[in-house]
C-alpha atoms as a PDB file:
ATOM      1  CA  MET A   1      26.535   0.590   7.523  1.00  0.00           C
ATOM      2  CA  ARG A   2      22.950   0.507   6.376  1.00  0.00           C
ATOM      3  CA  ASN A   3      21.099   3.770   5.840  1.00  0.00           C
ATOM      4  CA  LEU A   4      18.067   3.722   8.145  1.00  0.00           C
ATOM      5  CA  ASN A   5      14.945   5.556   7.083  1.00  0.00           C
ATOM      6  CA  LEU A   6      12.829   6.588  10.076  1.00  0.00           C
ATOM      7  CA  HIS A   7       9.653   7.004   8.023  1.00  0.00           C
ATOM      8  CA  SER A   8       9.757   3.476   6.653  1.00  0.00           C
ATOM      9  CA  PHE A   9      10.445   2.168  10.164  1.00  0.00           C
ATOM     10  CA  ILE A  10       7.449   3.996  11.631  1.00  0.00           C
ATOM     11  CA  ARG A  11       5.116   3.034   8.794  1.00  0.00           C
ATOM     12  CA  GLY A  12       6.095  -0.618   8.740  1.00  0.00           C
ATOM     13  CA  ARG A  13       6.025  -3.011   5.836  1.00  0.00           C
ATOM     14  CA  ASN A  14       2.389  -4.108   6.222  1.00  0.00           C
ATOM     15  CA  PRO A  15       0.322  -0.983   6.862  1.00  0.00           C
ATOM     16  CA  TYR A  16      -2.989  -2.694   6.073  1.00  0.00           C
ATOM     17  CA  ARG A  17      -2.375  -5.438   8.629  1.00  0.00           C
ATOM     18  CA  ASP A  18      -0.998  -2.971  11.159  1.00  0.00           C
ATOM     19  CA  ALA A  19      -4.092  -0.766  10.918  1.00  0.00           C
ATOM     20  CA  ALA A  20      -6.424  -3.731  11.358  1.00  0.00           C
ATOM     21  CA  LEU A  21      -4.468  -5.014  14.371  1.00  0.00           C
ATOM     22  CA  VAL A  22      -4.326  -1.620  16.088  1.00  0.00           C
ATOM     23  CA  ASN A  23      -8.067  -1.161  15.632  1.00  0.00           C
ATOM     24  CA  ALA A  24      -8.696  -4.695  16.929  1.00  0.00           C
ATOM     25  CA  GLY A  25      -6.521  -3.980  19.958  1.00  0.00           C
ATOM     26  CA  LEU A  26      -8.502  -0.857  20.732  1.00  0.00           C
ATOM     27  CA  GLY A  27     -11.669  -2.903  20.395  1.00  0.00           C
ATOM     28  CA  VAL A  28     -10.420  -5.417  22.941  1.00  0.00           C
ATOM     29  CA  VAL A  29      -9.748  -2.557  25.357  1.00  0.00           C
ATOM     30  CA  VAL A  30     -13.318  -1.292  24.927  1.00  0.00           C
ATOM     31  CA  ILE A  31     -14.765  -4.758  25.560  1.00  0.00           C
ATOM     32  CA  VAL A  32     -12.591  -5.246  28.655  1.00  0.00           C
ATOM     33  CA  VAL A  33     -13.715  -1.872  30.011  1.00  0.00           C
ATOM     34  CA  ALA A  34     -17.363  -2.784  29.341  1.00  0.00           C
ATOM     35  CA  VAL A  35     -16.978  -6.072  31.209  1.00  0.00           C
ATOM     36  CA  ALA A  36     -15.065  -4.455  34.089  1.00  0.00           C
ATOM     37  CA  THR A  37     -17.667  -1.739  34.584  1.00  0.00           C
ATOM     38  CA  GLY A  38     -20.676  -4.037  34.295  1.00  0.00           C
ATOM     39  CA  GLY A  39     -21.813  -2.720  30.928  1.00  0.00           C
ATOM     40  CA  SER A  40     -23.589  -4.623  28.236  1.00  0.00           C
ATOM     41  CA  VAL A  41     -21.111  -6.893  26.481  1.00  0.00           C
ATOM     42  CA  VAL A  42     -23.388  -7.321  23.469  1.00  0.00           C
ATOM     43  CA  ARG A  43     -23.646  -3.558  22.967  1.00  0.00           C
ATOM     44  CA  ALA A  44     -19.889  -3.220  23.406  1.00  0.00           C
ATOM     45  CA  VAL A  45     -19.187  -5.924  20.823  1.00  0.00           C
ATOM     46  CA  VAL A  46     -21.580  -4.342  18.319  1.00  0.00           C
ATOM     47  CA  ALA A  47     -20.019  -0.914  18.879  1.00  0.00           C
ATOM     48  CA  VAL A  48     -16.521  -2.365  18.534  1.00  0.00           C
ATOM     49  CA  LEU A  49     -17.391  -4.120  15.281  1.00  0.00           C
ATOM     50  CA  ILE A  50     -18.828  -0.930  13.802  1.00  0.00           C
ATOM     51  CA  ALA A  51     -15.838   1.110  14.990  1.00  0.00           C
ATOM     52  CA  TRP A  52     -13.373  -1.515  13.732  1.00  0.00           C
ATOM     53  CA  VAL A  53     -14.897  -1.556  10.251  1.00  0.00           C
ATOM     54  CA  ALA A  54     -15.022   2.247  10.075  1.00  0.00           C
ATOM     55  CA  GLY A  55     -11.537   2.761  11.506  1.00  0.00           C
ATOM     56  CA  THR A  56      -9.916   0.087   9.373  1.00  0.00           C
ATOM     57  CA  ALA A  57     -11.631   1.318   6.210  1.00  0.00           C
ATOM     58  CA  TYR A  58     -10.479   4.874   6.911  1.00  0.00           C
ATOM     59  CA  SER A  59      -6.909   3.729   7.626  1.00  0.00           C
ATOM     60  CA  TRP A  60      -6.753   1.639   4.463  1.00  0.00           C
ATOM     61  CA  TRP A  61      -8.134   4.548   2.429  1.00  0.00           C
ATOM     62  CA  ARG A  62      -5.399   6.834   3.846  1.00  0.00           C
ATOM     63  CA  VAL A  63      -2.697   4.227   3.114  1.00  0.00           C
ATOM     64  CA  ARG A  64      -3.872   4.020  -0.497  1.00  0.00           C
ATOM     65  CA  GLN A  65      -3.875   7.821  -0.764  1.00  0.00           C
ATOM     66  CA  ARG A  66      -0.347   8.001   0.625  1.00  0.00           C
ATOM     67  CA  ALA A  67       0.864   5.295  -1.775  1.00  0.00           C
ATOM     68  CA  ALA A  68      -0.699   7.107  -4.736  1.00  0.00           C
ATOM     69  CA  ARG A  69       0.868  10.400  -3.645  1.00  0.00           C
ATOM     70  CA  ASP A  70       4.284   8.783  -3.184  1.00  0.00           C
ATOM     71  CA  ALA A  71       4.039   7.138  -6.621  1.00  0.00           C
ATOM     72  CA  ASP A  72       3.621  10.525  -8.319  1.00  0.00           C
END
């Protein structure tokens, strides 16, 4: 029987891609809410792009920190 490691299962094999996809998914939710409530779609898209870049950059920075810590 294979030894399962819960931490590797939760983290996944592609943390950079996973972070970008999660942030994109949250962005889609924000745009859908803006459309559903009659808000400005342009402002929502601009806000989502800024939030996606910031969130993805922060996530990638944390992944690199974790990898460096685990390598030590």
